[in-house]
Protein backbone atom coordinates (compact mmCIF):
# COMPACT_ATOMS: atom_id res chain seq x y z
CA UNK A 1 -49.09 95.72 295.83
CA UNK A 2 -46.35 94.83 292.86
CA UNK A 3 -45.44 91.54 294.01
CA UNK A 4 -49.10 90.30 294.00
CA UNK A 5 -48.67 88.19 290.78
CA UNK A 6 -46.17 86.12 292.30
CA UNK A 7 -47.77 84.89 294.91
CA UNK A 8 -47.47 80.95 295.13
CA UNK A 9 -44.72 81.11 292.34
CA UNK A 10 -41.64 79.84 294.42
CA UNK A 11 -39.89 78.06 290.98
CA UNK A 12 -39.57 80.04 287.54
CA UNK A 13 -37.96 79.05 284.67
CA UNK A 14 -34.92 80.88 282.60
CA UNK A 15 -35.71 81.81 279.16
CA UNK A 16 -32.00 81.68 278.24
CA UNK A 17 -31.04 77.98 279.94
CA UNK A 18 -33.88 76.33 281.30
CA UNK A 19 -33.19 75.49 283.85
CA UNK A 20 -35.71 75.87 287.12
CA UNK A 21 -34.33 78.06 290.05
CA UNK A 22 -36.06 79.82 293.06
CA UNK A 23 -37.85 83.28 292.32
CA UNK A 24 -35.70 84.71 294.93
CA UNK A 25 -32.42 83.31 293.03
CA UNK A 26 -33.67 84.77 289.13
CA UNK A 27 -33.90 88.25 287.61
CA UNK A 28 -36.33 89.65 285.86
CA UNK A 29 -36.80 89.80 282.71
CA UNK A 30 -39.09 92.36 280.36
CA UNK A 31 -38.36 91.83 276.74
CA UNK A 32 -39.95 95.88 276.04
CA UNK A 33 -37.32 97.09 277.99
CA UNK A 34 -39.73 98.84 280.66
CA UNK A 35 -39.98 96.88 284.12
CA UNK A 36 -40.71 99.72 286.40
CA UNK A 37 -44.21 99.86 284.40
CA UNK A 38 -45.40 96.68 286.57
CA UNK A 39 -49.52 97.05 285.54
CA UNK A 40 -50.73 93.97 283.66
CA UNK A 41 -47.70 92.41 282.92
CA UNK A 42 -45.93 89.08 283.36
CA UNK A 43 -42.32 88.71 284.01
CA UNK A 44 -40.10 86.33 282.27
CA UNK A 45 -37.05 85.52 284.07
CA UNK A 46 -33.36 84.99 284.04
CA UNK A 47 -31.06 82.97 286.18
CA UNK A 48 -27.99 84.83 287.28
CA UNK A 49 -25.85 82.99 286.04
CA UNK A 50 -27.10 83.70 282.33
CA UNK A 51 -28.16 87.36 283.52
CA UNK A 52 -24.69 87.89 284.31
CA UNK A 53 -23.87 87.06 280.59
CA UNK A 54 -26.51 88.99 279.14
CA UNK A 55 -25.68 92.41 277.57
CA UNK A 56 -27.17 94.89 279.45
CA UNK A 57 -27.20 97.83 276.85
CA UNK A 58 -30.70 99.26 275.52
CA UNK A 59 -31.87 97.24 272.50
CA UNK A 60 -34.24 99.90 271.24
CA UNK A 61 -36.38 98.15 268.71
CA UNK A 62 -34.83 94.92 268.87
CA UNK A 63 -37.77 93.30 270.41
CA UNK A 64 -39.84 94.75 267.06
CA UNK A 65 -37.24 94.44 264.48
CA UNK A 66 -37.42 90.54 265.18
CA UNK A 67 -41.33 90.56 264.83
CA UNK A 68 -40.87 91.95 261.48
CA UNK A 69 -38.16 89.79 260.06
CA UNK A 70 -40.30 86.47 261.40
CA UNK A 71 -43.04 88.07 259.77
CA UNK A 72 -41.29 88.97 256.41
CA UNK A 73 -39.62 85.28 256.45
CA UNK A 74 -42.95 83.96 257.02
CA UNK A 75 -41.98 81.60 259.44
CA UNK A 76 -40.64 78.67 256.82
CA UNK A 77 -37.36 77.63 258.54
CA UNK A 78 -34.18 78.55 260.77
CA UNK A 79 -32.23 79.38 257.76
CA UNK A 80 -35.49 81.94 255.96
CA UNK A 81 -35.37 83.50 259.08
CA UNK A 82 -31.28 84.35 259.48
CA UNK A 83 -31.51 84.66 255.98
CA UNK A 84 -33.97 87.45 255.98
CA UNK A 85 -32.56 89.10 259.29
CA UNK A 86 -29.12 89.89 257.44
CA UNK A 87 -31.00 90.65 254.69
CA UNK A 88 -33.10 93.30 256.70
CA UNK A 89 -30.29 94.47 258.45
CA UNK A 90 -27.92 95.29 256.15
CA UNK A 91 -30.72 97.35 253.95
CA UNK A 92 -31.17 99.21 257.43
CA UNK A 93 -34.89 98.54 257.64
CA UNK A 94 -36.41 98.81 260.54
CA UNK A 95 -40.09 99.37 262.83
CA UNK A 96 -39.09 103.13 262.96
CA UNK A 97 -38.65 103.46 259.14
CA UNK A 98 -41.51 102.42 258.15
């Protein structure tokens, strides 16, 4: 039942490096950090070398924080996004505090 969404998908693309790898040689990545709750989800994938390089510590609300930064930066450009990220991070703003 778990693998029903994977039928016919022999290759996946690593979200870190962009390489196509065999699904059996990839690691699932759930941006919400809950890979056990599988119903209705489509997972992204990392190749094994990229998976080994990433930090496996909990991310808290990082994705929600990054979405807030993107909204505040108004999708202008990379420099604005990074400046907004630093500003909000220095202030300690987070989605939990709103």
